[in-house]
mmCIF file of all heavy atoms, coordinates in Angstrom:
data_MODEL
# 
_entry.id   MODEL 
# 
loop_
_atom_site.group_PDB 
_atom_site.id 
_atom_site.type_symbol 
_atom_site.label_atom_id 
_atom_site.label_alt_id 
_atom_site.label_comp_id 
_atom_site.label_asym_id 
_atom_site.label_entity_id 
_atom_site.label_seq_id 
_atom_site.pdbx_PDB_ins_code 
_atom_site.Cartn_x 
_atom_site.Cartn_y 
_atom_site.Cartn_z 
_atom_site.occupancy 
_atom_site.B_iso_or_equiv 
_atom_site.pdbx_formal_charge 
_atom_site.auth_seq_id 
_atom_site.auth_comp_id 
_atom_site.auth_asym_id 
_atom_site.auth_atom_id 
_atom_site.pdbx_PDB_model_num 
ATOM 1   N N   . ASN A 1 1  ? 0.773  -1.258 -0.028  1.00 0.00 ? 1  ASN A N   1 
ATOM 2   C CA  . ASN A 1 1  ? 0.010  0.021  -0.042  1.00 0.00 ? 1  ASN A CA  1 
ATOM 3   C C   . ASN A 1 1  ? 0.852  1.288  0.025   1.00 0.00 ? 1  ASN A C   1 
ATOM 4   O O   . ASN A 1 1  ? 0.319  2.408  -0.081  1.00 0.00 ? 1  ASN A O   1 
ATOM 5   C CB  . ASN A 1 1  ? -0.963 0.024  1.189   1.00 0.00 ? 1  ASN A CB  1 
ATOM 6   C CG  . ASN A 1 1  ? -0.351 -0.034 2.556   1.00 0.00 ? 1  ASN A CG  1 
ATOM 7   O OD1 . ASN A 1 1  ? 0.659  0.608  2.750   1.00 0.00 ? 1  ASN A OD1 1 
ATOM 8   N ND2 . ASN A 1 1  ? -0.995 -0.781 3.474   1.00 0.00 ? 1  ASN A ND2 1 
ATOM 9   N N   . GLY A 1 2  ? 2.176  1.072  0.108   1.00 0.00 ? 2  GLY A N   1 
ATOM 10  C CA  . GLY A 1 2  ? 3.082  2.247  -0.071  1.00 0.00 ? 2  GLY A CA  1 
ATOM 11  C C   . GLY A 1 2  ? 3.212  3.192  1.096   1.00 0.00 ? 2  GLY A C   1 
ATOM 12  O O   . GLY A 1 2  ? 3.872  4.211  0.951   1.00 0.00 ? 2  GLY A O   1 
ATOM 13  N N   . THR A 1 3  ? 2.630  2.843  2.221   1.00 0.00 ? 3  THR A N   1 
ATOM 14  C CA  . THR A 1 3  ? 2.682  3.733  3.366   1.00 0.00 ? 3  THR A CA  1 
ATOM 15  C C   . THR A 1 3  ? 3.788  3.514  4.356   1.00 0.00 ? 3  THR A C   1 
ATOM 16  O O   . THR A 1 3  ? 4.090  4.365  5.167   1.00 0.00 ? 3  THR A O   1 
ATOM 17  C CB  . THR A 1 3  ? 1.316  3.755  4.174   1.00 0.00 ? 3  THR A CB  1 
ATOM 18  O OG1 . THR A 1 3  ? 1.122  2.491  4.658   1.00 0.00 ? 3  THR A OG1 1 
ATOM 19  C CG2 . THR A 1 3  ? 0.144  4.051  3.155   1.00 0.00 ? 3  THR A CG2 1 
ATOM 20  N N   . LEU A 1 4  ? 4.404  2.338  4.272   1.00 0.00 ? 4  LEU A N   1 
ATOM 21  C CA  . LEU A 1 4  ? 5.332  2.018  5.258   1.00 0.00 ? 4  LEU A CA  1 
ATOM 22  C C   . LEU A 1 4  ? 6.848  1.978  4.879   1.00 0.00 ? 4  LEU A C   1 
ATOM 23  O O   . LEU A 1 4  ? 7.654  1.432  5.604   1.00 0.00 ? 4  LEU A O   1 
ATOM 24  C CB  . LEU A 1 4  ? 5.002  0.574  5.841   1.00 0.00 ? 4  LEU A CB  1 
ATOM 25  C CG  . LEU A 1 4  ? 3.636  0.402  6.469   1.00 0.00 ? 4  LEU A CG  1 
ATOM 26  C CD1 . LEU A 1 4  ? 3.391  -1.011 7.013   1.00 0.00 ? 4  LEU A CD1 1 
ATOM 27  C CD2 . LEU A 1 4  ? 3.438  1.378  7.680   1.00 0.00 ? 4  LEU A CD2 1 
ATOM 28  N N   . PHE A 1 5  ? 7.157  2.622  3.840   1.00 0.00 ? 5  PHE A N   1 
ATOM 29  C CA  . PHE A 1 5  ? 8.554  2.853  3.474   1.00 0.00 ? 5  PHE A CA  1 
ATOM 30  C C   . PHE A 1 5  ? 9.122  3.870  4.417   1.00 0.00 ? 5  PHE A C   1 
ATOM 31  O O   . PHE A 1 5  ? 8.522  4.770  4.805   1.00 0.00 ? 5  PHE A O   1 
ATOM 32  C CB  . PHE A 1 5  ? 8.648  3.340  2.065   1.00 0.00 ? 5  PHE A CB  1 
ATOM 33  C CG  . PHE A 1 5  ? 8.375  2.386  0.912   1.00 0.00 ? 5  PHE A CG  1 
ATOM 34  C CD1 . PHE A 1 5  ? 7.282  2.589  0.172   1.00 0.00 ? 5  PHE A CD1 1 
ATOM 35  C CD2 . PHE A 1 5  ? 9.102  1.244  0.744   1.00 0.00 ? 5  PHE A CD2 1 
ATOM 36  C CE1 . PHE A 1 5  ? 6.917  1.687  -0.801  1.00 0.00 ? 5  PHE A CE1 1 
ATOM 37  C CE2 . PHE A 1 5  ? 8.788  0.293  -0.256  1.00 0.00 ? 5  PHE A CE2 1 
ATOM 38  C CZ  . PHE A 1 5  ? 7.694  0.521  -1.039  1.00 0.00 ? 5  PHE A CZ  1 
ATOM 39  N N   . ASN A 1 6  ? 10.375 3.595  4.895   1.00 0.00 ? 6  ASN A N   1 
ATOM 40  C CA  . ASN A 1 6  ? 11.101 4.508  5.768   1.00 0.00 ? 6  ASN A CA  1 
ATOM 41  C C   . ASN A 1 6  ? 12.590 4.439  5.438   1.00 0.00 ? 6  ASN A C   1 
ATOM 42  O O   . ASN A 1 6  ? 12.981 3.721  4.593   1.00 0.00 ? 6  ASN A O   1 
ATOM 43  C CB  . ASN A 1 6  ? 10.791 4.105  7.282   1.00 0.00 ? 6  ASN A CB  1 
ATOM 44  C CG  . ASN A 1 6  ? 11.072 2.678  7.558   1.00 0.00 ? 6  ASN A CG  1 
ATOM 45  O OD1 . ASN A 1 6  ? 12.223 2.205  7.206   1.00 0.00 ? 6  ASN A OD1 1 
ATOM 46  N ND2 . ASN A 1 6  ? 10.179 1.963  8.227   1.00 0.00 ? 6  ASN A ND2 1 
ATOM 47  N N   . SER A 1 7  ? 13.291 5.223  6.214   1.00 0.00 ? 7  SER A N   1 
ATOM 48  C CA  . SER A 1 7  ? 14.725 5.396  5.929   1.00 0.00 ? 7  SER A CA  1 
ATOM 49  C C   . SER A 1 7  ? 15.488 4.137  6.174   1.00 0.00 ? 7  SER A C   1 
ATOM 50  O O   . SER A 1 7  ? 16.605 3.925  5.565   1.00 0.00 ? 7  SER A O   1 
ATOM 51  C CB  . SER A 1 7  ? 15.345 6.511  6.763   1.00 0.00 ? 7  SER A CB  1 
ATOM 52  O OG  . SER A 1 7  ? 15.127 6.185  8.115   1.00 0.00 ? 7  SER A OG  1 
ATOM 53  N N   . GLN A 1 8  ? 14.966 3.225  7.012   1.00 0.00 ? 8  GLN A N   1 
ATOM 54  C CA  . GLN A 1 8  ? 15.644 1.934  7.257   1.00 0.00 ? 8  GLN A CA  1 
ATOM 55  C C   . GLN A 1 8  ? 15.361 0.875  6.221   1.00 0.00 ? 8  GLN A C   1 
ATOM 56  O O   . GLN A 1 8  ? 16.250 0.002  5.934   1.00 0.00 ? 8  GLN A O   1 
ATOM 57  C CB  . GLN A 1 8  ? 15.249 1.413  8.702   1.00 0.00 ? 8  GLN A CB  1 
ATOM 58  C CG  . GLN A 1 8  ? 15.792 2.102  9.894   1.00 0.00 ? 8  GLN A CG  1 
ATOM 59  C CD  . GLN A 1 8  ? 15.129 3.480  10.079  1.00 0.00 ? 8  GLN A CD  1 
ATOM 60  O OE1 . GLN A 1 8  ? 13.940 3.603  10.041  1.00 0.00 ? 8  GLN A OE1 1 
ATOM 61  N NE2 . GLN A 1 8  ? 15.973 4.518  10.308  1.00 0.00 ? 8  GLN A NE2 1 
ATOM 62  N N   . ASN A 1 9  ? 14.202 0.828  5.631   1.00 0.00 ? 9  ASN A N   1 
ATOM 63  C CA  . ASN A 1 9  ? 13.869 -0.295 4.722   1.00 0.00 ? 9  ASN A CA  1 
ATOM 64  C C   . ASN A 1 9  ? 13.981 0.085  3.253   1.00 0.00 ? 9  ASN A C   1 
ATOM 65  O O   . ASN A 1 9  ? 14.004 -0.816 2.407   1.00 0.00 ? 9  ASN A O   1 
ATOM 66  C CB  . ASN A 1 9  ? 12.483 -0.884 5.102   1.00 0.00 ? 9  ASN A CB  1 
ATOM 67  C CG  . ASN A 1 9  ? 11.351 0.077  4.817   1.00 0.00 ? 9  ASN A CG  1 
ATOM 68  O OD1 . ASN A 1 9  ? 11.421 0.933  4.028   1.00 0.00 ? 9  ASN A OD1 1 
ATOM 69  N ND2 . ASN A 1 9  ? 10.216 -0.192 5.548   1.00 0.00 ? 9  ASN A ND2 1 
ATOM 70  N N   . ILE A 1 10 ? 13.858 1.342  2.862   1.00 0.00 ? 10 ILE A N   1 
ATOM 71  C CA  . ILE A 1 10 ? 13.677 1.647  1.479   1.00 0.00 ? 10 ILE A CA  1 
ATOM 72  C C   . ILE A 1 10 ? 14.922 1.243  0.609   1.00 0.00 ? 10 ILE A C   1 
ATOM 73  O O   . ILE A 1 10 ? 14.701 0.615  -0.524  1.00 0.00 ? 10 ILE A O   1 
ATOM 74  C CB  . ILE A 1 10 ? 13.357 3.100  1.303   1.00 0.00 ? 10 ILE A CB  1 
ATOM 75  C CG1 . ILE A 1 10 ? 12.671 3.394  -0.058  1.00 0.00 ? 10 ILE A CG1 1 
ATOM 76  C CG2 . ILE A 1 10 ? 14.597 4.034  1.567   1.00 0.00 ? 10 ILE A CG2 1 
ATOM 77  C CD1 . ILE A 1 10 ? 12.004 4.711  -0.198  1.00 0.00 ? 10 ILE A CD1 1 
ATOM 78  N N   . THR A 1 11 ? 16.047 1.477  1.069   1.00 0.00 ? 11 THR A N   1 
ATOM 79  C CA  . THR A 1 11 ? 17.270 1.101  0.296   1.00 0.00 ? 11 THR A CA  1 
ATOM 80  C C   . THR A 1 11 ? 17.397 -0.419 0.147   1.00 0.00 ? 11 THR A C   1 
ATOM 81  O O   . THR A 1 11 ? 17.631 -0.934 -0.954  1.00 0.00 ? 11 THR A O   1 
ATOM 82  C CB  . THR A 1 11 ? 18.578 1.679  0.873   1.00 0.00 ? 11 THR A CB  1 
ATOM 83  O OG1 . THR A 1 11 ? 18.386 3.154  0.847   1.00 0.00 ? 11 THR A OG1 1 
ATOM 84  C CG2 . THR A 1 11 ? 19.737 1.248  0.060   1.00 0.00 ? 11 THR A CG2 1 
ATOM 85  N N   . PRO A 1 12 ? 17.287 -1.148 1.263   1.00 0.00 ? 12 PRO A N   1 
ATOM 86  C CA  . PRO A 1 12 ? 17.454 -2.633 1.116   1.00 0.00 ? 12 PRO A CA  1 
ATOM 87  C C   . PRO A 1 12 ? 16.393 -3.218 0.292   1.00 0.00 ? 12 PRO A C   1 
ATOM 88  O O   . PRO A 1 12 ? 16.594 -4.228 -0.505  1.00 0.00 ? 12 PRO A O   1 
ATOM 89  C CB  . PRO A 1 12 ? 17.247 -3.232 2.570   1.00 0.00 ? 12 PRO A CB  1 
ATOM 90  C CG  . PRO A 1 12 ? 17.637 -2.033 3.368   1.00 0.00 ? 12 PRO A CG  1 
ATOM 91  C CD  . PRO A 1 12 ? 17.262 -0.814 2.679   1.00 0.00 ? 12 PRO A CD  1 
ATOM 92  N N   . ILE A 1 13 ? 15.160 -2.630 0.189   1.00 0.00 ? 13 ILE A N   1 
ATOM 93  C CA  . ILE A 1 13 ? 14.082 -3.076 -0.630  1.00 0.00 ? 13 ILE A CA  1 
ATOM 94  C C   . ILE A 1 13 ? 14.429 -2.886 -2.120  1.00 0.00 ? 13 ILE A C   1 
ATOM 95  O O   . ILE A 1 13 ? 14.389 -3.800 -2.973  1.00 0.00 ? 13 ILE A O   1 
ATOM 96  C CB  . ILE A 1 13 ? 12.734 -2.479 -0.270  1.00 0.00 ? 13 ILE A CB  1 
ATOM 97  C CG1 . ILE A 1 13 ? 12.264 -3.044 1.001   1.00 0.00 ? 13 ILE A CG1 1 
ATOM 98  C CG2 . ILE A 1 13 ? 11.709 -2.672 -1.338  1.00 0.00 ? 13 ILE A CG2 1 
ATOM 99  C CD1 . ILE A 1 13 ? 11.024 -2.319 1.658   1.00 0.00 ? 13 ILE A CD1 1 
ATOM 100 N N   . ILE A 1 14 ? 14.786 -1.696 -2.516  1.00 0.00 ? 14 ILE A N   1 
ATOM 101 C CA  . ILE A 1 14 ? 14.918 -1.369 -3.919  1.00 0.00 ? 14 ILE A CA  1 
ATOM 102 C C   . ILE A 1 14 ? 16.268 -2.034 -4.427  1.00 0.00 ? 14 ILE A C   1 
ATOM 103 O O   . ILE A 1 14 ? 16.405 -2.153 -5.678  1.00 0.00 ? 14 ILE A O   1 
ATOM 104 C CB  . ILE A 1 14 ? 14.998 0.227  -4.145  1.00 0.00 ? 14 ILE A CB  1 
ATOM 105 C CG1 . ILE A 1 14 ? 16.134 0.839  -3.433  1.00 0.00 ? 14 ILE A CG1 1 
ATOM 106 C CG2 . ILE A 1 14 ? 13.642 0.744  -3.733  1.00 0.00 ? 14 ILE A CG2 1 
ATOM 107 C CD1 . ILE A 1 14 ? 16.285 2.368  -3.763  1.00 0.00 ? 14 ILE A CD1 1 
ATOM 108 N N   . GLU A 1 15 ? 17.122 -2.462 -3.601  1.00 0.00 ? 15 GLU A N   1 
ATOM 109 C CA  . GLU A 1 15 ? 18.265 -3.166 -4.078  1.00 0.00 ? 15 GLU A CA  1 
ATOM 110 C C   . GLU A 1 15 ? 17.911 -4.672 -4.466  1.00 0.00 ? 15 GLU A C   1 
ATOM 111 O O   . GLU A 1 15 ? 18.691 -5.273 -5.148  1.00 0.00 ? 15 GLU A O   1 
ATOM 112 C CB  . GLU A 1 15 ? 19.346 -3.178 -2.925  1.00 0.00 ? 15 GLU A CB  1 
ATOM 113 C CG  . GLU A 1 15 ? 19.988 -1.878 -2.668  1.00 0.00 ? 15 GLU A CG  1 
ATOM 114 C CD  . GLU A 1 15 ? 21.002 -1.936 -1.548  1.00 0.00 ? 15 GLU A CD  1 
ATOM 115 O OE1 . GLU A 1 15 ? 20.954 -2.899 -0.734  1.00 0.00 ? 15 GLU A OE1 1 
ATOM 116 O OE2 . GLU A 1 15 ? 21.869 -0.986 -1.385  1.00 0.00 ? 15 GLU A OE2 1 
ATOM 117 N N   . LYS A 1 16 ? 16.790 -5.131 -3.957  1.00 0.00 ? 16 LYS A N   1 
ATOM 118 C CA  . LYS A 1 16 ? 16.443 -6.521 -4.154  1.00 0.00 ? 16 LYS A CA  1 
ATOM 119 C C   . LYS A 1 16 ? 15.249 -6.783 -5.067  1.00 0.00 ? 16 LYS A C   1 
ATOM 120 O O   . LYS A 1 16 ? 15.038 -7.963 -5.603  1.00 0.00 ? 16 LYS A O   1 
ATOM 121 C CB  . LYS A 1 16 ? 16.334 -7.282 -2.841  1.00 0.00 ? 16 LYS A CB  1 
ATOM 122 C CG  . LYS A 1 16 ? 17.567 -7.230 -2.059  1.00 0.00 ? 16 LYS A CG  1 
ATOM 123 C CD  . LYS A 1 16 ? 17.351 -7.910 -0.693  1.00 0.00 ? 16 LYS A CD  1 
ATOM 124 C CE  . LYS A 1 16 ? 18.702 -7.887 0.167   1.00 0.00 ? 16 LYS A CE  1 
ATOM 125 N NZ  . LYS A 1 16 ? 19.146 -6.536 0.390   1.00 0.00 ? 16 LYS A NZ  1 
ATOM 126 N N   . VAL A 1 17 ? 14.340 -5.784 -5.220  1.00 0.00 ? 17 VAL A N   1 
ATOM 127 C CA  . VAL A 1 17 ? 13.127 -6.037 -5.976  1.00 0.00 ? 17 VAL A CA  1 
ATOM 128 C C   . VAL A 1 17 ? 13.305 -5.396 -7.387  1.00 0.00 ? 17 VAL A C   1 
ATOM 129 O O   . VAL A 1 17 ? 14.046 -4.475 -7.554  1.00 0.00 ? 17 VAL A O   1 
ATOM 130 C CB  . VAL A 1 17 ? 11.859 -5.541 -5.365  1.00 0.00 ? 17 VAL A CB  1 
ATOM 131 C CG1 . VAL A 1 17 ? 11.744 -6.060 -3.983  1.00 0.00 ? 17 VAL A CG1 1 
ATOM 132 C CG2 . VAL A 1 17 ? 11.876 -3.986 -5.241  1.00 0.00 ? 17 VAL A CG2 1 
ATOM 133 N N   . ASN A 1 18 ? 12.516 -5.934 -8.318  1.00 0.00 ? 18 ASN A N   1 
ATOM 134 C CA  . ASN A 1 18 ? 12.594 -5.358 -9.723  1.00 0.00 ? 18 ASN A CA  1 
ATOM 135 C C   . ASN A 1 18 ? 11.464 -4.426 -9.943  1.00 0.00 ? 18 ASN A C   1 
ATOM 136 O O   . ASN A 1 18 ? 11.512 -3.475 -10.806 1.00 0.00 ? 18 ASN A O   1 
ATOM 137 C CB  . ASN A 1 18 ? 12.481 -6.546 -10.735 1.00 0.00 ? 18 ASN A CB  1 
ATOM 138 C CG  . ASN A 1 18 ? 13.592 -7.543 -10.565 1.00 0.00 ? 18 ASN A CG  1 
ATOM 139 O OD1 . ASN A 1 18 ? 13.464 -8.508 -9.812  1.00 0.00 ? 18 ASN A OD1 1 
ATOM 140 N ND2 . ASN A 1 18 ? 14.713 -7.258 -11.275 1.00 0.00 ? 18 ASN A ND2 1 
ATOM 141 N N   . ASN A 1 19 ? 10.322 -4.639 -9.256  1.00 0.00 ? 19 ASN A N   1 
ATOM 142 C CA  . ASN A 1 19 ? 9.068  -3.759 -9.424  1.00 0.00 ? 19 ASN A CA  1 
ATOM 143 C C   . ASN A 1 19 ? 8.406  -3.568 -8.070  1.00 0.00 ? 19 ASN A C   1 
ATOM 144 O O   . ASN A 1 19 ? 8.365  -4.447 -7.186  1.00 0.00 ? 19 ASN A O   1 
ATOM 145 C CB  . ASN A 1 19 ? 8.136  -4.393 -10.360 1.00 0.00 ? 19 ASN A CB  1 
ATOM 146 C CG  . ASN A 1 19 ? 8.729  -4.734 -11.767 1.00 0.00 ? 19 ASN A CG  1 
ATOM 147 O OD1 . ASN A 1 19 ? 8.896  -3.853 -12.573 1.00 0.00 ? 19 ASN A OD1 1 
ATOM 148 N ND2 . ASN A 1 19 ? 9.114  -5.989 -11.982 1.00 0.00 ? 19 ASN A ND2 1 
ATOM 149 N N   . ILE A 1 20 ? 7.825  -2.458 -7.978  1.00 0.00 ? 20 ILE A N   1 
ATOM 150 C CA  . ILE A 1 20 ? 7.022  -2.101 -6.856  1.00 0.00 ? 20 ILE A CA  1 
ATOM 151 C C   . ILE A 1 20 ? 5.576  -1.720 -7.343  1.00 0.00 ? 20 ILE A C   1 
ATOM 152 O O   . ILE A 1 20 ? 5.422  -0.756 -8.147  1.00 0.00 ? 20 ILE A O   1 
ATOM 153 C CB  . ILE A 1 20 ? 7.485  -1.048 -6.002  1.00 0.00 ? 20 ILE A CB  1 
ATOM 154 C CG1 . ILE A 1 20 ? 8.875  -1.449 -5.316  1.00 0.00 ? 20 ILE A CG1 1 
ATOM 155 C CG2 . ILE A 1 20 ? 6.609  -0.609 -4.818  1.00 0.00 ? 20 ILE A CG2 1 
ATOM 156 C CD1 . ILE A 1 20 ? 9.596  -0.362 -4.528  1.00 0.00 ? 20 ILE A CD1 1 
ATOM 157 N N   . ASP A 1 21 ? 4.583  -2.445 -6.897  1.00 0.00 ? 21 ASP A N   1 
ATOM 158 C CA  . ASP A 1 21 ? 3.188  -2.219 -7.265  1.00 0.00 ? 21 ASP A CA  1 
ATOM 159 C C   . ASP A 1 21 ? 2.424  -1.618 -6.049  1.00 0.00 ? 21 ASP A C   1 
ATOM 160 O O   . ASP A 1 21 ? 2.230  -2.366 -5.061  1.00 0.00 ? 21 ASP A O   1 
ATOM 161 C CB  . ASP A 1 21 ? 2.523  -3.434 -7.799  1.00 0.00 ? 21 ASP A CB  1 
ATOM 162 C CG  . ASP A 1 21 ? 1.131  -3.284 -8.252  1.00 0.00 ? 21 ASP A CG  1 
ATOM 163 O OD1 . ASP A 1 21 ? 0.603  -2.144 -8.180  1.00 0.00 ? 21 ASP A OD1 1 
ATOM 164 O OD2 . ASP A 1 21 ? 0.405  -4.274 -8.496  1.00 0.00 ? 21 ASP A OD2 1 
ATOM 165 N N   . ILE A 1 22 ? 2.057  -0.420 -6.072  1.00 0.00 ? 22 ILE A N   1 
ATOM 166 C CA  . ILE A 1 22 ? 1.375  0.308  -5.037  1.00 0.00 ? 22 ILE A CA  1 
ATOM 167 C C   . ILE A 1 22 ? -0.143 0.406  -5.258  1.00 0.00 ? 22 ILE A C   1 
ATOM 168 O O   . ILE A 1 22 ? -0.546 0.952  -6.236  1.00 0.00 ? 22 ILE A O   1 
ATOM 169 C CB  . ILE A 1 22 ? 1.997  1.681  -4.833  1.00 0.00 ? 22 ILE A CB  1 
ATOM 170 C CG1 . ILE A 1 22 ? 3.476  1.559  -4.435  1.00 0.00 ? 22 ILE A CG1 1 
ATOM 171 C CG2 . ILE A 1 22 ? 1.319  2.393  -3.635  1.00 0.00 ? 22 ILE A CG2 1 
ATOM 172 C CD1 . ILE A 1 22 ? 4.254  2.911  -4.330  1.00 0.00 ? 22 ILE A CD1 1 
ATOM 173 N N   . SER A 1 23 ? -0.901 -0.086 -4.351  1.00 0.00 ? 23 SER A N   1 
ATOM 174 C CA  . SER A 1 23 ? -2.296 -0.014 -4.447  1.00 0.00 ? 23 SER A CA  1 
ATOM 175 C C   . SER A 1 23 ? -2.765 1.422  -3.986  1.00 0.00 ? 23 SER A C   1 
ATOM 176 O O   . SER A 1 23 ? -2.448 1.725  -2.904  1.00 0.00 ? 23 SER A O   1 
ATOM 177 C CB  . SER A 1 23 ? -3.044 -1.070 -3.625  1.00 0.00 ? 23 SER A CB  1 
ATOM 178 O OG  . SER A 1 23 ? -2.618 -2.316 -4.054  1.00 0.00 ? 23 SER A OG  1 
ATOM 179 N N   . LEU A 1 24 ? -3.480 2.177  -4.800  1.00 0.00 ? 24 LEU A N   1 
ATOM 180 C CA  . LEU A 1 24 ? -3.843 3.492  -4.418  1.00 0.00 ? 24 LEU A CA  1 
ATOM 181 C C   . LEU A 1 24 ? -5.289 3.722  -4.451  1.00 0.00 ? 24 LEU A C   1 
ATOM 182 O O   . LEU A 1 24 ? -5.895 4.413  -3.556  1.00 0.00 ? 24 LEU A O   1 
ATOM 183 C CB  . LEU A 1 24 ? -3.166 4.464  -5.357  1.00 0.00 ? 24 LEU A CB  1 
ATOM 184 C CG  . LEU A 1 24 ? -3.249 5.964  -4.996  1.00 0.00 ? 24 LEU A CG  1 
ATOM 185 C CD1 . LEU A 1 24 ? -2.561 6.198  -3.538  1.00 0.00 ? 24 LEU A CD1 1 
ATOM 186 C CD2 . LEU A 1 24 ? -2.576 6.836  -6.026  1.00 0.00 ? 24 LEU A CD2 1 
ATOM 187 N N   . ASP A 1 25 ? -6.009 3.250  -5.499  1.00 0.00 ? 25 ASP A N   1 
ATOM 188 C CA  . ASP A 1 25 ? -7.504 3.238  -5.616  1.00 0.00 ? 25 ASP A CA  1 
ATOM 189 C C   . ASP A 1 25 ? -8.060 4.656  -5.640  1.00 0.00 ? 25 ASP A C   1 
ATOM 190 O O   . ASP A 1 25 ? -9.154 4.904  -5.053  1.00 0.00 ? 25 ASP A O   1 
ATOM 191 C CB  . ASP A 1 25 ? -8.090 2.462  -4.542  1.00 0.00 ? 25 ASP A CB  1 
ATOM 192 C CG  . ASP A 1 25 ? -7.668 0.929  -4.580  1.00 0.00 ? 25 ASP A CG  1 
ATOM 193 O OD1 . ASP A 1 25 ? -7.755 0.415  -5.651  1.00 0.00 ? 25 ASP A OD1 1 
ATOM 194 O OD2 . ASP A 1 25 ? -7.263 0.331  -3.554  1.00 0.00 ? 25 ASP A OD2 1 
# 
């Protein structure tokens, strides 16, 4: 849902995933 990214997790995440799909509606 894209609300829980923070300074601790955002870099490790984007280093390992290819795509991010955020539900916005």
